[in-house]
Amino acid sequence: MDIAFDPARDEVNRFKHGVPLAFGKRVFDDVGYIVIASPRPIDGEDRFKAIGRVDGRLWTAIHVWRGDVCRLISVRRSNSVNKETMIAIPKDPNDPEDFDVSVAGLERGLMGRRIRMLRNRLGMSQDEFARAYGIPLANIRQYEIGRHMPPPAVRAYLKVIAAEPELAAKAIADAA
């Protein structure tokens, strides 16, 4: 994955959060990292929060995609869960463009991670997975980035795919 960042933002991140933006690459090195869609309220820009473990601690990398390049905006240690207010990741009070991540948003991100890990275990691209199992490619993409939670029937079907991938693919192929 190609990573880029603005040197001026890098200096700000070092000052505010104590790490360079390049540290964000390590968040993506965690095989279990999750991605949560996090559109910016001001202009609706598609931003994402990648959350992963680095040296046993959770870190958050705020980023956007510019073509095939992941452009890092902010990297910081993840905050703790606050169940009373149903906020899983509170906004950074020093970042006016940041906002809270809800428990539901975190659950969508975790589901997206499970789907991505299943697909990777099967050695399939998003397109191959979608064609093999009859799930629209656009839906797979939305699920994996945590924008939408799959409906209960799709979640049940994903469990079947995880348990019996060949049988599920054969059933779809036979029905076509």
N, C-alpha and C. Protein backbone atom coordinates (compact mmCIF):
# COMPACT_ATOMS: atom_id res chain seq x y z
N MET A 1 0.85 -1.17 0.00
CA MET A 1 0.00 0.00 0.00
C MET A 1 0.89 1.23 0.00
N ASP A 2 0.60 2.17 -0.90
CA ASP A 2 1.34 3.42 -0.96
C ASP A 2 0.72 4.40 0.04
N ILE A 3 1.58 4.99 0.87
CA ILE A 3 1.17 5.94 1.89
C ILE A 3 1.76 7.31 1.54
N ALA A 4 0.96 8.36 1.71
CA ALA A 4 1.43 9.73 1.50
C ALA A 4 0.86 10.61 2.60
N PHE A 5 1.49 11.76 2.80
CA PHE A 5 0.97 12.74 3.76
C PHE A 5 1.62 14.09 3.49
N ASP A 6 0.96 15.12 3.98
CA ASP A 6 1.44 16.48 3.85
C ASP A 6 2.49 16.71 4.95
N PRO A 7 3.70 17.17 4.59
CA PRO A 7 4.73 17.41 5.61
C PRO A 7 4.29 18.39 6.70
N ALA A 8 3.47 19.38 6.36
CA ALA A 8 2.99 20.33 7.38
C ALA A 8 2.08 19.62 8.37
N ARG A 9 1.19 18.73 7.87
CA ARG A 9 0.31 17.96 8.77
C ARG A 9 1.14 17.00 9.62
N ASP A 10 2.23 16.51 9.06
CA ASP A 10 3.12 15.62 9.81
C ASP A 10 3.67 16.34 11.04
N GLU A 11 4.10 17.57 10.85
CA GLU A 11 4.63 18.35 11.98
C GLU A 11 3.56 18.57 13.04
N VAL A 12 2.33 18.89 12.59
CA VAL A 12 1.21 19.10 13.52
C VAL A 12 0.92 17.81 14.28
N ASN A 13 0.92 16.69 13.57
CA ASN A 13 0.63 15.40 14.21
C ASN A 13 1.71 15.05 15.24
N ARG A 14 2.96 15.31 14.90
CA ARG A 14 4.06 15.05 15.86
C ARG A 14 3.85 15.87 17.14
N PHE A 15 3.43 17.12 16.97
CA PHE A 15 3.23 17.99 18.12
C PHE A 15 2.01 17.56 18.94
N LYS A 16 0.87 17.31 18.27
CA LYS A 16 -0.38 16.99 18.97
C LYS A 16 -0.42 15.58 19.53
N HIS A 17 0.11 14.61 18.77
CA HIS A 17 -0.07 13.20 19.14
C HIS A 17 1.24 12.45 19.42
N GLY A 18 2.36 13.12 19.21
CA GLY A 18 3.65 12.53 19.58
C GLY A 18 4.20 11.49 18.62
N VAL A 19 3.59 11.33 17.46
CA VAL A 19 4.10 10.37 16.46
C VAL A 19 4.04 10.99 15.08
N PRO A 20 4.97 10.59 14.20
CA PRO A 20 4.89 11.07 12.82
C PRO A 20 3.76 10.37 12.07
N LEU A 21 3.26 10.98 11.02
CA LEU A 21 2.20 10.36 10.24
C LEU A 21 2.65 9.03 9.64
N ALA A 22 3.93 8.89 9.34
CA ALA A 22 4.44 7.63 8.78
C ALA A 22 4.17 6.45 9.72
N PHE A 23 4.02 6.72 11.01
CA PHE A 23 3.70 5.68 11.99
C PHE A 23 2.37 5.00 11.64
N GLY A 24 1.50 5.73 10.94
CA GLY A 24 0.19 5.20 10.55
C GLY A 24 0.28 3.94 9.71
N LYS A 25 1.36 3.77 8.98
CA LYS A 25 1.55 2.55 8.17
C LYS A 25 1.49 1.32 9.07
N ARG A 26 1.96 1.44 10.28
CA ARG A 26 1.97 0.30 11.21
C ARG A 26 0.56 -0.11 11.63
N VAL A 27 -0.40 0.83 11.61
CA VAL A 27 -1.80 0.49 11.91
C VAL A 27 -2.31 -0.50 10.87
N PHE A 28 -1.95 -0.27 9.60
CA PHE A 28 -2.39 -1.14 8.51
C PHE A 28 -1.63 -2.47 8.49
N ASP A 29 -0.51 -2.55 9.19
CA ASP A 29 0.26 -3.80 9.26
C ASP A 29 -0.40 -4.82 10.18
N ASP A 30 -1.31 -4.37 11.05
CA ASP A 30 -2.06 -5.28 11.92
C ASP A 30 -3.05 -6.06 11.05
N VAL A 31 -2.92 -7.39 11.00
CA VAL A 31 -3.81 -8.19 10.14
C VAL A 31 -5.27 -8.06 10.55
N GLY A 32 -5.54 -7.65 11.77
CA GLY A 32 -6.92 -7.53 12.24
C GLY A 32 -7.43 -6.10 12.27
N TYR A 33 -6.76 -5.17 11.55
CA TYR A 33 -7.22 -3.78 11.61
C TYR A 33 -8.63 -3.66 11.03
N ILE A 34 -9.36 -2.65 11.51
CA ILE A 34 -10.70 -2.39 10.99
C ILE A 34 -10.72 -1.00 10.37
N VAL A 35 -11.66 -0.80 9.46
CA VAL A 35 -11.84 0.50 8.82
C VAL A 35 -13.28 0.94 9.03
N ILE A 36 -13.44 2.18 9.47
CA ILE A 36 -14.77 2.74 9.73
C ILE A 36 -14.93 3.98 8.84
N ALA A 37 -15.98 3.99 8.05
CA ALA A 37 -16.28 5.18 7.24
C ALA A 37 -16.54 6.35 8.18
N SER A 38 -15.97 7.49 7.84
CA SER A 38 -16.03 8.63 8.73
C SER A 38 -16.11 9.92 7.90
N PRO A 39 -17.21 10.11 7.14
CA PRO A 39 -17.28 11.29 6.27
C PRO A 39 -17.19 12.58 7.07
N ARG A 40 -16.44 13.53 6.53
CA ARG A 40 -16.25 14.81 7.21
C ARG A 40 -17.53 15.62 7.14
N PRO A 41 -18.06 16.07 8.28
CA PRO A 41 -19.34 16.79 8.30
C PRO A 41 -19.32 18.10 7.51
N ILE A 42 -18.21 18.76 7.45
CA ILE A 42 -18.14 20.07 6.81
C ILE A 42 -18.47 19.98 5.32
N ASP A 43 -17.86 19.01 4.62
CA ASP A 43 -18.05 18.93 3.18
C ASP A 43 -18.38 17.52 2.67
N GLY A 44 -18.55 16.56 3.59
CA GLY A 44 -18.91 15.21 3.19
C GLY A 44 -17.77 14.41 2.59
N GLU A 45 -16.53 14.92 2.70
CA GLU A 45 -15.39 14.19 2.14
C GLU A 45 -15.34 12.78 2.74
N ASP A 46 -15.12 11.77 1.90
CA ASP A 46 -15.02 10.39 2.36
C ASP A 46 -13.71 10.17 3.10
N ARG A 47 -13.79 10.20 4.41
CA ARG A 47 -12.63 9.91 5.25
C ARG A 47 -12.88 8.58 5.94
N PHE A 48 -11.81 7.97 6.39
CA PHE A 48 -11.89 6.67 7.03
C PHE A 48 -10.98 6.65 8.25
N LYS A 49 -11.41 5.87 9.26
CA LYS A 49 -10.59 5.63 10.44
C LYS A 49 -10.16 4.17 10.41
N ALA A 50 -8.87 3.94 10.31
CA ALA A 50 -8.33 2.59 10.42
C ALA A 50 -7.87 2.44 11.86
N ILE A 51 -8.30 1.36 12.50
CA ILE A 51 -7.95 1.11 13.89
C ILE A 51 -7.25 -0.23 13.96
N GLY A 52 -6.05 -0.22 14.50
CA GLY A 52 -5.28 -1.46 14.61
C GLY A 52 -4.33 -1.42 15.78
N ARG A 53 -3.79 -2.58 16.11
CA ARG A 53 -2.85 -2.69 17.22
C ARG A 53 -1.42 -2.49 16.75
N VAL A 54 -0.70 -1.66 17.50
CA VAL A 54 0.73 -1.47 17.30
C VAL A 54 1.37 -1.64 18.66
N ASP A 55 2.24 -2.62 18.77
CA ASP A 55 2.91 -2.91 20.05
C ASP A 55 1.90 -3.07 21.19
N GLY A 56 0.78 -3.75 20.91
CA GLY A 56 -0.20 -4.07 21.93
C GLY A 56 -1.20 -2.97 22.26
N ARG A 57 -1.09 -1.81 21.62
CA ARG A 57 -2.02 -0.71 21.88
C ARG A 57 -2.80 -0.37 20.63
N LEU A 58 -4.04 0.10 20.82
CA LEU A 58 -4.86 0.50 19.68
C LEU A 58 -4.48 1.90 19.21
N TRP A 59 -4.33 2.03 17.90
CA TRP A 59 -4.03 3.31 17.26
C TRP A 59 -5.06 3.57 16.16
N THR A 60 -5.33 4.82 15.91
CA THR A 60 -6.27 5.23 14.87
C THR A 60 -5.52 6.05 13.83
N ALA A 61 -5.72 5.68 12.56
CA ALA A 61 -5.14 6.43 11.44
C ALA A 61 -6.29 6.98 10.60
N ILE A 62 -6.47 8.30 10.64
CA ILE A 62 -7.49 8.96 9.82
C ILE A 62 -6.87 9.13 8.43
N HIS A 63 -7.63 8.73 7.40
CA HIS A 63 -7.07 8.79 6.06
C HIS A 63 -8.13 8.97 4.99
N VAL A 64 -7.69 9.34 3.80
CA VAL A 64 -8.52 9.42 2.61
C VAL A 64 -7.79 8.65 1.52
N TRP A 65 -8.53 8.31 0.49
CA TRP A 65 -7.91 7.64 -0.66
C TRP A 65 -7.85 8.63 -1.81
N ARG A 66 -6.69 8.75 -2.40
CA ARG A 66 -6.48 9.53 -3.62
C ARG A 66 -5.98 8.54 -4.67
N GLY A 67 -6.92 7.98 -5.42
CA GLY A 67 -6.57 6.90 -6.35
C GLY A 67 -6.18 5.68 -5.54
N ASP A 68 -4.99 5.15 -5.80
CA ASP A 68 -4.49 3.98 -5.07
C ASP A 68 -3.62 4.36 -3.89
N VAL A 69 -3.53 5.64 -3.58
CA VAL A 69 -2.65 6.11 -2.50
C VAL A 69 -3.47 6.44 -1.26
N CYS A 70 -3.04 5.91 -0.13
CA CYS A 70 -3.66 6.21 1.17
C CYS A 70 -2.99 7.47 1.71
N ARG A 71 -3.75 8.55 1.81
CA ARG A 71 -3.20 9.82 2.30
C ARG A 71 -3.59 9.98 3.77
N LEU A 72 -2.58 9.93 4.64
CA LEU A 72 -2.81 10.02 6.09
C LEU A 72 -3.05 11.48 6.49
N ILE A 73 -4.04 11.65 7.36
CA ILE A 73 -4.41 12.98 7.84
C ILE A 73 -4.02 13.14 9.31
N SER A 74 -4.22 12.07 10.10
CA SER A 74 -3.92 12.11 11.53
C SER A 74 -3.67 10.69 12.01
N VAL A 75 -2.73 10.55 12.94
CA VAL A 75 -2.46 9.26 13.58
C VAL A 75 -2.35 9.53 15.07
N ARG A 76 -3.13 8.76 15.85
CA ARG A 76 -3.10 8.95 17.30
C ARG A 76 -3.50 7.68 18.01
N ARG A 77 -3.18 7.63 19.29
CA ARG A 77 -3.60 6.50 20.11
C ARG A 77 -5.11 6.55 20.24
N SER A 78 -5.76 5.39 20.11
CA SER A 78 -7.21 5.32 20.21
C SER A 78 -7.65 5.56 21.63
N ASN A 79 -8.81 6.21 21.77
CA ASN A 79 -9.38 6.47 23.10
C ASN A 79 -10.14 5.25 23.59
N SER A 80 -10.46 5.24 24.84
CA SER A 80 -11.18 4.11 25.43
C SER A 80 -12.68 4.18 25.13
N VAL A 81 -13.36 3.05 25.31
CA VAL A 81 -14.79 2.94 25.04
C VAL A 81 -15.58 3.59 26.18
N ASN A 82 -16.61 4.33 25.84
CA ASN A 82 -17.49 4.96 26.81
C ASN A 82 -18.89 4.42 26.56
N LYS A 83 -19.27 3.33 27.22
CA LYS A 83 -20.54 2.65 26.95
C LYS A 83 -21.75 3.46 27.38
N GLU A 84 -21.63 4.30 28.37
CA GLU A 84 -22.80 5.06 28.84
C GLU A 84 -23.34 5.97 27.75
N THR A 85 -22.48 6.54 26.97
CA THR A 85 -22.94 7.44 25.91
C THR A 85 -22.97 6.76 24.55
N MET A 86 -22.71 5.47 24.51
CA MET A 86 -22.70 4.67 23.29
C MET A 86 -21.67 5.15 22.27
N ILE A 87 -20.64 5.80 22.74
CA ILE A 87 -19.56 6.24 21.86
C ILE A 87 -18.40 5.28 22.06
N ALA A 88 -17.98 4.65 20.98
CA ALA A 88 -16.87 3.70 21.06
C ALA A 88 -15.53 4.42 21.01
N ILE A 89 -15.44 5.44 20.16
CA ILE A 89 -14.19 6.19 20.02
C ILE A 89 -14.55 7.67 20.04
N PRO A 90 -14.26 8.34 21.16
CA PRO A 90 -14.59 9.77 21.24
C PRO A 90 -13.76 10.60 20.27
N LYS A 91 -14.33 11.71 19.85
CA LYS A 91 -13.59 12.60 18.96
C LYS A 91 -12.40 13.20 19.69
N ASP A 92 -11.42 13.60 18.92
CA ASP A 92 -10.25 14.27 19.47
C ASP A 92 -10.65 15.72 19.73
N PRO A 93 -10.64 16.17 20.98
CA PRO A 93 -11.08 17.54 21.28
C PRO A 93 -10.20 18.61 20.64
N ASN A 94 -8.98 18.24 20.24
CA ASN A 94 -8.07 19.20 19.62
C ASN A 94 -8.19 19.23 18.10
N ASP A 95 -9.09 18.41 17.54
CA ASP A 95 -9.27 18.35 16.10
C ASP A 95 -10.70 18.74 15.75
N PRO A 96 -10.92 19.97 15.25
CA PRO A 96 -12.28 20.43 14.97
C PRO A 96 -13.00 19.65 13.88
N GLU A 97 -12.26 18.89 13.06
CA GLU A 97 -12.88 18.12 11.98
C GLU A 97 -13.21 16.69 12.40
N ASP A 98 -12.80 16.28 13.58
CA ASP A 98 -13.03 14.91 14.04
C ASP A 98 -14.42 14.80 14.68
N PHE A 99 -14.92 13.59 14.81
CA PHE A 99 -16.19 13.36 15.48
C PHE A 99 -16.20 11.99 16.12
N ASP A 100 -17.18 11.75 17.00
CA ASP A 100 -17.29 10.50 17.72
C ASP A 100 -17.57 9.34 16.76
N VAL A 101 -17.10 8.16 17.13
CA VAL A 101 -17.46 6.93 16.41
C VAL A 101 -18.38 6.15 17.34
N SER A 102 -19.56 5.86 16.87
CA SER A 102 -20.55 5.17 17.69
C SER A 102 -20.22 3.69 17.83
N VAL A 103 -20.86 3.06 18.77
CA VAL A 103 -20.72 1.61 18.94
C VAL A 103 -21.19 0.91 17.66
N ALA A 104 -22.27 1.40 17.07
CA ALA A 104 -22.77 0.82 15.83
C ALA A 104 -21.74 0.94 14.71
N GLY A 105 -21.08 2.09 14.62
CA GLY A 105 -20.04 2.28 13.62
C GLY A 105 -18.88 1.33 13.83
N LEU A 106 -18.53 1.12 15.08
CA LEU A 106 -17.47 0.18 15.39
C LEU A 106 -17.88 -1.24 15.03
N GLU A 107 -19.13 -1.59 15.30
CA GLU A 107 -19.62 -2.93 14.94
C GLU A 107 -19.61 -3.14 13.44
N ARG A 108 -19.98 -2.10 12.67
CA ARG A 108 -19.91 -2.21 11.21
C ARG A 108 -18.47 -2.42 10.77
N GLY A 109 -17.55 -1.70 11.40
CA GLY A 109 -16.13 -1.87 11.07
C GLY A 109 -15.62 -3.26 11.39
N LEU A 110 -16.04 -3.80 12.52
CA LEU A 110 -15.63 -5.15 12.89
C LEU A 110 -16.20 -6.18 11.92
N MET A 111 -17.45 -6.00 11.51
CA MET A 111 -18.05 -6.91 10.53
C MET A 111 -17.29 -6.82 9.21
N GLY A 112 -16.96 -5.60 8.80
CA GLY A 112 -16.18 -5.42 7.57
C GLY A 112 -14.85 -6.14 7.65
N ARG A 113 -14.22 -6.08 8.80
CA ARG A 113 -12.94 -6.78 8.99
C ARG A 113 -13.14 -8.29 8.87
N ARG A 114 -14.22 -8.82 9.46
CA ARG A 114 -14.47 -10.27 9.37
C ARG A 114 -14.69 -10.70 7.93
N ILE A 115 -15.41 -9.89 7.17
CA ILE A 115 -15.64 -10.21 5.76
C ILE A 115 -14.32 -10.18 4.99
N ARG A 116 -13.53 -9.14 5.21
CA ARG A 116 -12.23 -9.02 4.53
C ARG A 116 -11.32 -10.20 4.89
N MET A 117 -11.31 -10.58 6.16
CA MET A 117 -10.45 -11.70 6.59
C MET A 117 -10.94 -13.02 5.98
N LEU A 118 -12.26 -13.21 5.89
CA LEU A 118 -12.80 -14.42 5.25
C LEU A 118 -12.39 -14.44 3.77
N ARG A 119 -12.57 -13.33 3.11
CA ARG A 119 -12.22 -13.24 1.69
C ARG A 119 -10.74 -13.50 1.48
N ASN A 120 -9.90 -12.92 2.33
CA ASN A 120 -8.45 -13.15 2.24
C ASN A 120 -8.09 -14.60 2.52
N ARG A 121 -8.76 -15.21 3.49
CA ARG A 121 -8.51 -16.63 3.80
C ARG A 121 -8.82 -17.51 2.59
N LEU A 122 -9.84 -17.11 1.83
CA LEU A 122 -10.22 -17.87 0.63
C LEU A 122 -9.36 -17.48 -0.58
N GLY A 123 -8.49 -16.47 -0.41
CA GLY A 123 -7.60 -16.06 -1.49
C GLY A 123 -8.33 -15.39 -2.64
N MET A 124 -9.37 -14.62 -2.32
CA MET A 124 -10.19 -14.01 -3.37
C MET A 124 -10.15 -12.50 -3.29
N SER A 125 -10.26 -11.87 -4.47
CA SER A 125 -10.44 -10.42 -4.53
C SER A 125 -11.91 -10.14 -4.20
N GLN A 126 -12.24 -8.86 -4.01
CA GLN A 126 -13.63 -8.51 -3.76
C GLN A 126 -14.51 -8.96 -4.92
N ASP A 127 -14.04 -8.74 -6.15
CA ASP A 127 -14.81 -9.11 -7.34
C ASP A 127 -15.01 -10.63 -7.41
N GLU A 128 -13.96 -11.39 -7.17
CA GLU A 128 -14.07 -12.85 -7.21
C GLU A 128 -15.04 -13.36 -6.14
N PHE A 129 -14.94 -12.81 -4.95
CA PHE A 129 -15.83 -13.20 -3.85
C PHE A 129 -17.28 -12.90 -4.20
N ALA A 130 -17.52 -11.70 -4.73
CA ALA A 130 -18.88 -11.29 -5.10
C ALA A 130 -19.46 -12.23 -6.16
N ARG A 131 -18.68 -12.54 -7.20
CA ARG A 131 -19.16 -13.42 -8.26
C ARG A 131 -19.37 -14.85 -7.76
N ALA A 132 -18.45 -15.35 -6.94
CA ALA A 132 -18.54 -16.74 -6.47
C ALA A 132 -19.76 -16.96 -5.57
N TYR A 133 -20.11 -15.95 -4.77
CA TYR A 133 -21.16 -16.15 -3.77
C TYR A 133 -22.44 -15.35 -4.03
N GLY A 134 -22.51 -14.67 -5.17
CA GLY A 134 -23.75 -13.99 -5.54
C GLY A 134 -24.10 -12.78 -4.70
N ILE A 135 -23.10 -12.14 -4.12
CA ILE A 135 -23.34 -10.92 -3.34
C ILE A 135 -22.85 -9.76 -4.21
N PRO A 136 -23.66 -8.74 -4.42
CA PRO A 136 -23.23 -7.62 -5.29
C PRO A 136 -21.90 -7.02 -4.83
N LEU A 137 -21.02 -6.76 -5.79
CA LEU A 137 -19.70 -6.21 -5.50
C LEU A 137 -19.80 -4.89 -4.72
N ALA A 138 -20.73 -4.04 -5.11
CA ALA A 138 -20.89 -2.76 -4.40
C ALA A 138 -21.21 -3.00 -2.92
N ASN A 139 -22.01 -4.02 -2.63
CA ASN A 139 -22.33 -4.33 -1.23
C ASN A 139 -21.09 -4.80 -0.48
N ILE A 140 -20.32 -5.70 -1.10
CA ILE A 140 -19.08 -6.18 -0.46
C ILE A 140 -18.20 -4.99 -0.11
N ARG A 141 -18.04 -4.08 -1.03
CA ARG A 141 -17.20 -2.90 -0.78
C ARG A 141 -17.74 -2.07 0.39
N GLN A 142 -19.05 -1.84 0.40
CA GLN A 142 -19.66 -1.05 1.48
C GLN A 142 -19.53 -1.75 2.83
N TYR A 143 -19.70 -3.06 2.84
CA TYR A 143 -19.55 -3.82 4.09
C TYR A 143 -18.11 -3.74 4.59
N GLU A 144 -17.15 -3.93 3.69
CA GLU A 144 -15.75 -3.98 4.11
C GLU A 144 -15.24 -2.65 4.63
N ILE A 145 -15.75 -1.53 4.15
CA ILE A 145 -15.30 -0.24 4.68
C ILE A 145 -16.14 0.20 5.88
N GLY A 146 -17.11 -0.61 6.27
CA GLY A 146 -17.90 -0.30 7.45
C GLY A 146 -18.97 0.74 7.24
N ARG A 147 -19.32 1.02 6.00
CA ARG A 147 -20.36 2.01 5.75
C ARG A 147 -21.74 1.44 6.04
N HIS A 148 -21.93 0.15 5.74
CA HIS A 148 -23.22 -0.50 5.98
C HIS A 148 -23.01 -1.83 6.67
N MET A 149 -23.95 -2.19 7.54
CA MET A 149 -23.96 -3.51 8.17
C MET A 149 -24.76 -4.44 7.27
N PRO A 150 -24.22 -5.63 6.96
CA PRO A 150 -25.02 -6.56 6.16
C PRO A 150 -26.30 -6.92 6.91
N PRO A 151 -27.40 -7.11 6.18
CA PRO A 151 -28.64 -7.53 6.85
C PRO A 151 -28.46 -8.92 7.46
N PRO A 152 -29.33 -9.29 8.41
CA PRO A 152 -29.18 -10.58 9.10
C PRO A 152 -29.06 -11.79 8.16
N ALA A 153 -29.82 -11.80 7.06
CA ALA A 153 -29.74 -12.94 6.14
C ALA A 153 -28.36 -13.04 5.50
N VAL A 154 -27.77 -11.91 5.16
CA VAL A 154 -26.42 -11.91 4.57
C VAL A 154 -25.40 -12.33 5.61
N ARG A 155 -25.56 -11.87 6.86
CA ARG A 155 -24.64 -12.29 7.93
C ARG A 155 -24.71 -13.80 8.13
N ALA A 156 -25.91 -14.37 8.07
CA ALA A 156 -26.07 -15.82 8.19
C ALA A 156 -25.40 -16.53 7.01
N TYR A 157 -25.59 -15.99 5.81
CA TYR A 157 -24.98 -16.56 4.61
C TYR A 157 -23.45 -16.51 4.71
N LEU A 158 -22.90 -15.43 5.24
CA LEU A 158 -21.45 -15.33 5.41
C LEU A 158 -20.93 -16.40 6.37
N LYS A 159 -21.73 -16.76 7.37
CA LYS A 159 -21.33 -17.85 8.27
C LYS A 159 -21.30 -19.17 7.53
N VAL A 160 -22.26 -19.37 6.63
CA VAL A 160 -22.27 -20.59 5.80
C VAL A 160 -21.03 -20.62 4.91
N ILE A 161 -20.72 -19.48 4.28
CA ILE A 161 -19.53 -19.40 3.43
C ILE A 161 -18.27 -19.71 4.23
N ALA A 162 -18.19 -19.16 5.45
CA ALA A 162 -17.01 -19.40 6.29
C ALA A 162 -16.86 -20.89 6.62
N ALA A 163 -17.98 -21.56 6.88
CA ALA A 163 -17.95 -22.97 7.27
C ALA A 163 -17.77 -23.90 6.08
N GLU A 164 -18.45 -23.59 4.98
CA GLU A 164 -18.45 -24.48 3.80
C GLU A 164 -18.31 -23.67 2.51
N PRO A 165 -17.15 -23.08 2.25
CA PRO A 165 -17.03 -22.18 1.09
C PRO A 165 -17.28 -22.88 -0.26
N GLU A 166 -16.79 -24.10 -0.42
CA GLU A 166 -16.98 -24.80 -1.70
C GLU A 166 -18.44 -25.13 -1.94
N LEU A 167 -19.11 -25.61 -0.89
CA LEU A 167 -20.52 -25.97 -1.01
C LEU A 167 -21.38 -24.75 -1.32
N ALA A 168 -21.10 -23.62 -0.65
CA ALA A 168 -21.86 -22.39 -0.91
C ALA A 168 -21.64 -21.92 -2.34
N ALA A 169 -20.41 -21.95 -2.83
CA ALA A 169 -20.12 -21.52 -4.20
C ALA A 169 -20.80 -22.43 -5.20
N LYS A 170 -20.80 -23.75 -4.92
CA LYS A 170 -21.45 -24.71 -5.82
C LYS A 170 -22.96 -24.47 -5.88
N ALA A 171 -23.57 -24.21 -4.74
CA ALA A 171 -25.00 -23.94 -4.70
C ALA A 171 -25.36 -22.72 -5.53
N ILE A 172 -24.58 -21.68 -5.46
CA ILE A 172 -24.82 -20.47 -6.27
C ILE A 172 -24.62 -20.78 -7.75
N ALA A 173 -23.53 -21.51 -8.07
CA ALA A 173 -23.26 -21.84 -9.48
C ALA A 173 -24.37 -22.72 -10.06
N ASP A 174 -24.86 -23.68 -9.28
CA ASP A 174 -25.93 -24.57 -9.75
C ASP A 174 -27.24 -23.81 -9.96
N ALA A 175 -27.47 -22.77 -9.17
CA ALA A 175 -28.71 -22.01 -9.26
C ALA A 175 -28.71 -21.05 -10.46
N ALA A 176 -27.51 -20.75 -10.98
CA ALA A 176 -27.41 -19.78 -12.08
C ALA A 176 -27.79 -20.35 -13.42
